[in-house]
């Protein structure tokens, strides 16, 4: 089953040394313009639906898993530096759910690590995103991380 999704992580502008984010607008940390890179992705449908679309600042195209790739799907991002994450979002507004039943990601677990791209992950949030919509969650307290792992798991009727 293929999945298509857009991810957003935000904070109010801050430095890693601050316990709480400074007041200010939401900043999408998962943009290449903010220094974010993709460390790994479990699969990719094609270049049009590449994980690179998740950091380009647009929702025109997202990421789509490889055809017949099995769940769970994972994507690991590395932020340019540690940040205190205040909230997370999954944006399915540009999905193709009406043309391809079941293609939109629904159940997503987000983990963060301050150690490395391979270890030290703790769960930050679990989101249920619907086709054609954006789902945002604020964290109870900001969590300082440099790596984010988004794990997509199936929900019936997949």
N, C-alpha and C. Protein backbone atom coordinates (compact mmCIF):
# COMPACT_ATOMS: atom_id res chain seq x y z
N UNK A 1 0.84 -1.18 0.00
CA UNK A 1 0.00 0.00 0.00
C UNK A 1 0.88 1.23 0.00
N UNK A 2 0.61 2.15 -0.88
CA UNK A 2 1.35 3.40 -0.94
C UNK A 2 0.76 4.40 0.05
N UNK A 3 1.62 5.26 0.51
CA UNK A 3 1.19 6.33 1.40
C UNK A 3 1.75 7.64 0.88
N UNK A 4 0.96 8.68 0.96
CA UNK A 4 1.40 10.01 0.57
C UNK A 4 1.19 10.93 1.76
N UNK A 5 2.16 11.78 2.02
CA UNK A 5 2.05 12.59 3.22
C UNK A 5 2.98 13.80 3.13
N UNK A 6 2.66 14.83 3.89
CA UNK A 6 3.51 16.00 4.09
C UNK A 6 3.69 16.15 5.59
N UNK A 7 4.90 16.47 6.04
CA UNK A 7 5.16 16.62 7.46
C UNK A 7 5.59 18.04 7.79
N UNK A 8 5.26 18.46 8.99
CA UNK A 8 5.67 19.77 9.48
C UNK A 8 6.05 19.62 10.95
N UNK A 9 7.15 20.23 11.34
CA UNK A 9 7.50 20.35 12.76
C UNK A 9 7.73 21.83 13.00
N UNK A 10 7.21 22.35 14.07
CA UNK A 10 7.38 23.78 14.27
C UNK A 10 7.87 24.08 15.67
N UNK A 11 8.38 25.27 15.78
CA UNK A 11 8.73 25.85 17.05
C UNK A 11 8.57 27.34 16.91
N UNK A 12 8.54 28.00 18.01
CA UNK A 12 8.68 29.44 17.99
C UNK A 12 10.18 29.67 18.06
N UNK A 13 10.68 30.61 17.29
CA UNK A 13 12.13 30.76 17.15
C UNK A 13 12.83 30.70 18.50
N UNK A 14 13.89 29.88 18.57
CA UNK A 14 14.56 29.63 19.83
C UNK A 14 15.96 29.12 19.58
N UNK A 15 16.72 28.95 20.61
CA UNK A 15 17.99 28.25 20.52
C UNK A 15 17.89 27.02 21.39
N UNK A 16 18.77 26.08 21.19
CA UNK A 16 18.70 24.83 21.94
C UNK A 16 18.90 25.05 23.44
N UNK A 17 19.51 26.14 23.82
CA UNK A 17 19.78 26.37 25.24
C UNK A 17 18.54 26.79 26.01
N UNK A 18 17.53 27.27 25.33
CA UNK A 18 16.32 27.72 26.02
C UNK A 18 15.43 26.56 26.39
N UNK A 19 14.88 26.61 27.58
CA UNK A 19 13.97 25.56 28.01
C UNK A 19 12.61 25.71 27.36
N UNK A 20 12.19 26.93 27.09
CA UNK A 20 10.91 27.20 26.45
C UNK A 20 11.16 28.01 25.18
N UNK A 21 10.33 27.82 24.16
CA UNK A 21 10.52 28.62 22.96
C UNK A 21 10.19 30.09 23.22
N UNK A 22 10.89 30.95 22.50
CA UNK A 22 10.60 32.37 22.58
C UNK A 22 9.28 32.65 21.88
N UNK A 23 8.63 33.73 22.24
CA UNK A 23 7.38 34.10 21.59
C UNK A 23 7.65 34.42 20.14
N UNK A 24 6.73 34.06 19.27
CA UNK A 24 6.90 34.35 17.85
C UNK A 24 6.08 33.42 17.00
N UNK A 25 6.15 33.60 15.70
CA UNK A 25 5.35 32.77 14.79
C UNK A 25 5.88 31.34 14.70
N UNK A 26 5.04 30.45 14.24
CA UNK A 26 5.46 29.07 14.02
C UNK A 26 6.47 29.05 12.88
N UNK A 27 7.51 28.27 13.05
CA UNK A 27 8.52 28.09 12.02
C UNK A 27 8.55 26.62 11.65
N UNK A 28 8.42 26.30 10.38
CA UNK A 28 8.50 24.91 9.95
C UNK A 28 9.96 24.52 9.87
N UNK A 29 10.40 23.74 10.82
CA UNK A 29 11.78 23.28 10.85
C UNK A 29 12.09 22.28 9.75
N UNK A 30 11.07 21.61 9.25
CA UNK A 30 11.30 20.58 8.24
C UNK A 30 11.33 21.18 6.83
N UNK A 31 12.16 22.17 6.67
CA UNK A 31 12.38 22.77 5.36
C UNK A 31 13.87 22.84 5.11
N UNK A 32 14.25 22.56 3.88
CA UNK A 32 15.66 22.61 3.52
C UNK A 32 16.25 23.99 3.77
N UNK A 33 15.43 25.03 3.63
CA UNK A 33 15.90 26.39 3.88
C UNK A 33 16.29 26.61 5.34
N UNK A 34 15.83 25.74 6.22
CA UNK A 34 16.20 25.80 7.64
C UNK A 34 17.31 24.80 7.96
N UNK A 35 17.87 24.17 6.93
CA UNK A 35 19.00 23.26 7.12
C UNK A 35 18.63 21.81 7.36
N UNK A 36 17.36 21.46 7.27
CA UNK A 36 16.95 20.08 7.50
C UNK A 36 17.33 19.19 6.33
N UNK A 37 17.81 18.00 6.63
CA UNK A 37 18.12 17.00 5.61
C UNK A 37 17.39 15.71 5.95
N UNK A 38 17.14 14.92 4.93
CA UNK A 38 16.53 13.61 5.13
C UNK A 38 17.65 12.59 5.27
N UNK A 39 17.66 11.90 6.40
CA UNK A 39 18.68 10.89 6.68
C UNK A 39 18.32 9.58 6.01
N UNK A 40 17.05 9.19 6.10
CA UNK A 40 16.62 7.92 5.52
C UNK A 40 15.12 7.92 5.28
N UNK A 41 14.72 7.07 4.34
CA UNK A 41 13.30 6.81 4.06
C UNK A 41 13.19 5.34 3.73
N UNK A 42 12.17 4.69 4.26
CA UNK A 42 12.03 3.24 4.08
C UNK A 42 11.78 2.86 2.62
N UNK A 43 11.19 3.76 1.84
CA UNK A 43 10.97 3.49 0.41
C UNK A 43 10.56 4.79 -0.27
N UNK A 44 10.44 4.70 -1.60
CA UNK A 44 10.05 5.87 -2.39
C UNK A 44 9.35 5.36 -3.65
N UNK A 45 8.23 5.99 -4.00
CA UNK A 45 7.48 5.57 -5.18
C UNK A 45 8.23 5.91 -6.46
N UNK A 46 8.61 7.17 -6.62
CA UNK A 46 9.42 7.62 -7.76
C UNK A 46 9.96 9.01 -7.43
N UNK A 47 10.72 9.59 -8.36
CA UNK A 47 11.34 10.90 -8.10
C UNK A 47 10.31 12.00 -7.89
N UNK A 48 9.15 11.89 -8.52
CA UNK A 48 8.10 12.89 -8.34
C UNK A 48 7.58 12.88 -6.91
N UNK A 49 7.56 11.71 -6.29
CA UNK A 49 7.06 11.56 -4.92
C UNK A 49 8.20 11.22 -3.97
N UNK A 50 9.30 11.92 -4.11
CA UNK A 50 10.52 11.70 -3.34
C UNK A 50 10.40 12.29 -1.93
N UNK A 51 11.13 11.73 -0.97
CA UNK A 51 11.16 12.34 0.36
C UNK A 51 11.66 13.78 0.33
N UNK A 52 12.42 14.15 -0.69
CA UNK A 52 12.90 15.53 -0.81
C UNK A 52 11.75 16.53 -0.83
N UNK A 53 10.58 16.10 -1.28
CA UNK A 53 9.40 16.98 -1.30
C UNK A 53 8.96 17.38 0.10
N UNK A 54 9.35 16.62 1.09
CA UNK A 54 8.94 16.90 2.46
C UNK A 54 9.71 18.06 3.07
N UNK A 55 10.79 18.48 2.43
CA UNK A 55 11.60 19.58 2.96
C UNK A 55 11.68 20.76 2.00
N UNK A 56 10.86 20.77 0.95
CA UNK A 56 10.97 21.84 -0.06
C UNK A 56 10.09 23.05 0.25
N UNK A 57 9.32 23.02 1.33
CA UNK A 57 8.50 24.16 1.72
C UNK A 57 7.17 24.25 1.00
N UNK A 58 6.81 23.25 0.22
CA UNK A 58 5.57 23.26 -0.55
C UNK A 58 4.77 22.00 -0.25
N UNK A 59 3.46 22.08 -0.45
CA UNK A 59 2.62 20.87 -0.34
C UNK A 59 2.13 20.43 -1.72
N UNK A 60 2.73 20.96 -2.78
CA UNK A 60 2.31 20.55 -4.12
C UNK A 60 2.53 19.05 -4.33
N UNK A 61 3.71 18.58 -3.96
CA UNK A 61 3.99 17.15 -4.00
C UNK A 61 4.47 16.74 -2.62
N UNK A 62 4.18 15.53 -2.25
CA UNK A 62 4.64 15.00 -0.97
C UNK A 62 5.51 13.79 -1.22
N UNK A 63 5.55 12.93 -0.25
CA UNK A 63 6.30 11.68 -0.36
C UNK A 63 5.30 10.56 -0.53
N UNK A 64 5.64 9.57 -1.31
CA UNK A 64 4.80 8.39 -1.50
C UNK A 64 5.69 7.16 -1.37
N UNK A 65 5.26 6.20 -0.60
CA UNK A 65 6.04 4.98 -0.42
C UNK A 65 6.08 4.19 -1.72
N UNK A 66 7.03 3.29 -1.81
CA UNK A 66 7.16 2.44 -2.98
C UNK A 66 5.95 1.54 -3.15
N UNK A 67 5.66 1.21 -4.39
CA UNK A 67 4.54 0.32 -4.68
C UNK A 67 4.77 -1.02 -4.01
N UNK A 68 3.77 -1.49 -3.31
CA UNK A 68 3.78 -2.76 -2.56
C UNK A 68 4.78 -2.76 -1.40
N UNK A 69 5.26 -1.60 -0.99
CA UNK A 69 6.13 -1.52 0.19
C UNK A 69 5.27 -1.81 1.42
N UNK A 70 5.80 -2.59 2.33
CA UNK A 70 5.02 -2.97 3.50
C UNK A 70 5.21 -1.96 4.64
N UNK A 71 4.19 -1.87 5.47
CA UNK A 71 4.23 -1.02 6.66
C UNK A 71 5.11 -1.69 7.71
N UNK A 72 5.66 -0.93 8.63
CA UNK A 72 5.56 0.52 8.74
C UNK A 72 6.51 1.21 7.77
N UNK A 73 6.19 2.45 7.43
CA UNK A 73 7.06 3.30 6.63
C UNK A 73 7.71 4.29 7.58
N UNK A 74 8.99 4.56 7.38
CA UNK A 74 9.67 5.51 8.26
C UNK A 74 10.48 6.51 7.44
N UNK A 75 10.53 7.72 7.95
CA UNK A 75 11.37 8.77 7.39
C UNK A 75 12.06 9.46 8.56
N UNK A 76 13.38 9.59 8.47
CA UNK A 76 14.15 10.24 9.52
C UNK A 76 14.73 11.54 8.97
N UNK A 77 14.51 12.62 9.72
CA UNK A 77 15.01 13.94 9.38
C UNK A 77 16.08 14.34 10.38
N UNK A 78 17.08 15.08 9.91
CA UNK A 78 18.06 15.68 10.80
C UNK A 78 17.93 17.19 10.70
N UNK A 79 17.68 17.82 11.83
CA UNK A 79 17.61 19.28 11.88
C UNK A 79 19.04 19.84 11.89
N UNK A 80 19.20 21.06 11.45
CA UNK A 80 20.52 21.68 11.37
C UNK A 80 21.21 21.75 12.72
N UNK A 81 20.42 21.84 13.78
CA UNK A 81 20.93 21.91 15.15
C UNK A 81 19.80 21.48 16.07
N UNK A 82 20.09 21.23 17.33
CA UNK A 82 19.00 20.88 18.24
C UNK A 82 18.01 22.04 18.37
N UNK A 83 16.72 21.69 18.41
CA UNK A 83 15.65 22.67 18.57
C UNK A 83 14.65 22.15 19.59
N UNK A 84 14.02 23.07 20.30
CA UNK A 84 12.94 22.73 21.21
C UNK A 84 11.65 22.68 20.40
N UNK A 85 11.19 21.49 20.09
CA UNK A 85 10.00 21.29 19.27
C UNK A 85 8.76 21.57 20.12
N UNK A 86 7.91 22.46 19.63
CA UNK A 86 6.69 22.83 20.35
C UNK A 86 5.46 22.12 19.80
N UNK A 87 5.51 21.68 18.54
CA UNK A 87 4.35 21.03 17.95
C UNK A 87 4.71 20.36 16.64
N UNK A 88 3.77 19.57 16.16
CA UNK A 88 3.95 18.79 14.93
C UNK A 88 2.67 18.84 14.11
N UNK A 89 2.83 18.66 12.81
CA UNK A 89 1.66 18.63 11.94
C UNK A 89 1.88 17.63 10.81
N UNK A 90 0.79 17.07 10.35
CA UNK A 90 0.77 16.24 9.15
C UNK A 90 -0.23 16.90 8.22
N UNK A 91 0.20 17.14 7.00
CA UNK A 91 -0.62 17.89 6.04
C UNK A 91 -0.97 17.00 4.85
N UNK A 92 -2.21 16.58 4.77
CA UNK A 92 -2.70 15.76 3.65
C UNK A 92 -3.59 16.58 2.71
N UNK A 93 -3.48 17.92 2.75
CA UNK A 93 -4.38 18.73 1.92
C UNK A 93 -4.15 18.55 0.44
N UNK A 94 -2.95 18.18 0.03
CA UNK A 94 -2.68 17.99 -1.40
C UNK A 94 -2.68 16.54 -1.83
N UNK A 95 -3.26 15.67 -1.03
CA UNK A 95 -3.19 14.25 -1.35
C UNK A 95 -4.08 13.88 -2.54
N UNK A 96 -3.97 12.65 -2.95
CA UNK A 96 -4.76 12.16 -4.07
C UNK A 96 -5.72 11.06 -3.62
N UNK A 97 -6.20 11.20 -2.39
CA UNK A 97 -7.08 10.20 -1.81
C UNK A 97 -8.36 9.96 -2.59
N UNK A 98 -8.85 10.99 -3.27
CA UNK A 98 -10.08 10.80 -4.03
C UNK A 98 -9.84 9.97 -5.29
N UNK A 99 -8.61 9.95 -5.78
CA UNK A 99 -8.28 9.18 -6.99
C UNK A 99 -7.71 7.82 -6.66
N UNK A 100 -7.07 7.71 -5.50
CA UNK A 100 -6.41 6.46 -5.11
C UNK A 100 -6.83 6.12 -3.69
N UNK A 101 -7.83 5.32 -3.53
CA UNK A 101 -8.36 4.98 -2.23
C UNK A 101 -7.27 4.40 -1.33
N UNK A 102 -7.18 4.94 -0.12
CA UNK A 102 -6.24 4.43 0.87
C UNK A 102 -4.83 4.96 0.75
N UNK A 103 -4.58 5.88 -0.19
CA UNK A 103 -3.21 6.35 -0.40
C UNK A 103 -2.74 7.32 0.69
N UNK A 104 -3.65 8.04 1.30
CA UNK A 104 -3.27 9.05 2.29
C UNK A 104 -2.90 8.42 3.61
N UNK A 105 -1.81 8.90 4.19
CA UNK A 105 -1.38 8.40 5.49
C UNK A 105 -2.38 8.83 6.55
N UNK A 106 -2.64 7.96 7.49
CA UNK A 106 -3.60 8.28 8.55
C UNK A 106 -2.95 8.22 9.91
N UNK A 107 -2.38 7.11 10.27
CA UNK A 107 -1.83 6.94 11.60
C UNK A 107 -0.32 7.13 11.56
N UNK A 108 0.13 8.16 12.27
CA UNK A 108 1.54 8.53 12.23
C UNK A 108 2.03 8.72 13.66
N UNK A 109 3.15 8.09 13.96
CA UNK A 109 3.79 8.26 15.26
C UNK A 109 5.09 9.02 15.01
N UNK A 110 5.32 10.05 15.79
CA UNK A 110 6.51 10.88 15.63
C UNK A 110 7.41 10.69 16.85
N UNK A 111 8.67 10.41 16.56
CA UNK A 111 9.68 10.21 17.59
C UNK A 111 10.76 11.29 17.44
N UNK A 112 11.42 11.62 18.53
CA UNK A 112 12.52 12.57 18.50
C UNK A 112 13.72 12.01 19.23
N UNK A 113 14.91 12.44 18.79
CA UNK A 113 16.15 12.02 19.44
C UNK A 113 17.10 13.20 19.53
N UNK A 114 17.84 13.25 20.63
CA UNK A 114 18.91 14.23 20.75
C UNK A 114 20.27 13.55 20.69
N UNK A 115 20.27 12.23 20.39
CA UNK A 115 21.50 11.44 20.38
C UNK A 115 22.05 11.20 18.97
N UNK A 116 21.23 10.62 18.09
CA UNK A 116 21.68 10.32 16.73
C UNK A 116 20.48 9.97 15.87
N UNK A 117 20.75 9.73 14.59
CA UNK A 117 19.70 9.35 13.65
C UNK A 117 19.28 7.90 13.82
N UNK A 118 20.01 7.16 14.64
CA UNK A 118 19.73 5.73 14.79
C UNK A 118 19.30 5.31 16.19
N UNK A 119 19.50 6.16 17.20
CA UNK A 119 19.17 5.74 18.56
C UNK A 119 18.72 6.92 19.41
N UNK A 120 18.18 6.58 20.57
CA UNK A 120 17.77 7.59 21.52
C UNK A 120 16.39 8.19 21.24
N UNK A 121 15.59 7.54 20.41
CA UNK A 121 14.27 8.09 20.06
C UNK A 121 13.25 7.83 21.16
N UNK A 122 12.46 8.86 21.43
CA UNK A 122 11.31 8.73 22.32
C UNK A 122 10.09 9.28 21.58
N UNK A 123 8.94 8.72 21.88
CA UNK A 123 7.71 9.15 21.19
C UNK A 123 7.32 10.56 21.63
N UNK A 124 7.09 11.43 20.64
CA UNK A 124 6.64 12.79 20.91
C UNK A 124 5.14 12.93 20.74
N UNK A 125 4.59 12.26 19.73
CA UNK A 125 3.17 12.42 19.44
C UNK A 125 2.68 11.29 18.54
N UNK A 126 1.39 11.10 18.57
CA UNK A 126 0.70 10.18 17.66
C UNK A 126 -0.42 10.98 17.02
N UNK A 127 -0.50 10.95 15.70
CA UNK A 127 -1.49 11.75 14.98
C UNK A 127 -2.34 10.86 14.09
N UNK A 128 -3.59 11.24 13.96
CA UNK A 128 -4.51 10.61 13.02
C UNK A 128 -4.87 11.68 12.00
N UNK A 129 -4.33 11.58 10.82
CA UNK A 129 -4.58 12.58 9.78
C UNK A 129 -5.56 12.04 8.75
N UNK A 130 -6.51 12.84 8.39
CA UNK A 130 -7.51 12.45 7.40
C UNK A 130 -7.12 12.96 6.03
N UNK A 131 -7.60 12.29 5.01
CA UNK A 131 -7.35 12.70 3.63
C UNK A 131 -7.89 14.11 3.41
N UNK A 132 -7.08 14.94 2.75
CA UNK A 132 -7.52 16.28 2.41
C UNK A 132 -7.49 17.29 3.53
N UNK A 133 -6.84 16.95 4.66
CA UNK A 133 -6.82 17.89 5.77
C UNK A 133 -5.44 17.95 6.42
N UNK A 134 -5.30 18.91 7.30
CA UNK A 134 -4.06 19.11 8.05
C UNK A 134 -4.35 18.86 9.52
N UNK A 135 -3.51 18.12 10.18
CA UNK A 135 -3.68 17.81 11.60
C UNK A 135 -2.47 18.36 12.35
N UNK A 136 -2.71 19.21 13.33
CA UNK A 136 -1.65 19.79 14.16
C UNK A 136 -1.83 19.34 15.60
N UNK A 137 -0.71 19.11 16.26
CA UNK A 137 -0.73 18.83 17.70
C UNK A 137 0.36 19.66 18.36
N UNK A 138 0.02 20.24 19.48
CA UNK A 138 1.01 20.94 20.29
C UNK A 138 1.50 19.98 21.35
N UNK A 139 2.79 20.01 21.62
CA UNK A 139 3.33 19.17 22.67
C UNK A 139 3.07 19.84 24.02
N UNK A 140 2.89 19.03 25.06
CA UNK A 140 2.62 19.59 26.39
C UNK A 140 3.75 20.49 26.83
N UNK A 141 4.97 20.06 26.59
CA UNK A 141 6.15 20.88 26.85
C UNK A 141 7.10 20.70 25.66
N UNK A 142 7.81 21.73 25.27
CA UNK A 142 8.76 21.60 24.17
C UNK A 142 9.82 20.54 24.49
N UNK A 143 10.23 19.81 23.46
CA UNK A 143 11.23 18.76 23.61
C UNK A 143 12.39 19.09 22.67
N UNK A 144 13.60 19.14 23.22
CA UNK A 144 14.77 19.46 22.41
C UNK A 144 15.29 18.20 21.71
N UNK A 145 15.30 18.25 20.39
CA UNK A 145 15.76 17.13 19.56
C UNK A 145 16.52 17.68 18.35
N UNK A 146 17.29 16.80 17.72
CA UNK A 146 17.93 17.14 16.45
C UNK A 146 17.49 16.19 15.35
N UNK A 147 16.93 15.05 15.71
CA UNK A 147 16.45 14.07 14.74
C UNK A 147 14.98 13.78 15.01
N UNK A 148 14.20 13.72 13.94
CA UNK A 148 12.78 13.37 14.02
C UNK A 148 12.53 12.17 13.13
N UNK A 149 11.79 11.21 13.66
CA UNK A 149 11.43 10.02 12.87
C UNK A 149 9.91 9.95 12.82
N UNK A 150 9.38 9.95 11.60
CA UNK A 150 7.95 9.80 11.37
C UNK A 150 7.71 8.36 10.93
N UNK A 151 6.85 7.66 11.66
CA UNK A 151 6.53 6.27 11.35
C UNK A 151 5.06 6.19 11.00
N UNK A 152 4.79 5.69 9.81
CA UNK A 152 3.41 5.54 9.32
C UNK A 152 2.99 4.10 9.49
N UNK A 153 1.87 3.91 10.19
CA UNK A 153 1.37 2.55 10.42
C UNK A 153 -0.03 2.44 9.84
N UNK A 154 -0.40 1.23 9.42
CA UNK A 154 -1.72 1.08 8.78
C UNK A 154 -2.85 1.13 9.79
N UNK A 155 -3.98 1.62 9.30
CA UNK A 155 -5.23 1.59 10.05
C UNK A 155 -6.25 0.97 9.10
N UNK A 156 -7.09 0.08 9.57
CA UNK A 156 -8.11 -0.47 8.68
C UNK A 156 -8.90 0.66 8.03
N UNK A 157 -9.27 0.58 6.79
CA UNK A 157 -9.35 -0.61 5.97
C UNK A 157 -8.15 -0.89 5.08
N UNK A 158 -6.96 -0.48 5.45
CA UNK A 158 -5.78 -0.75 4.61
C UNK A 158 -5.73 -2.20 4.35
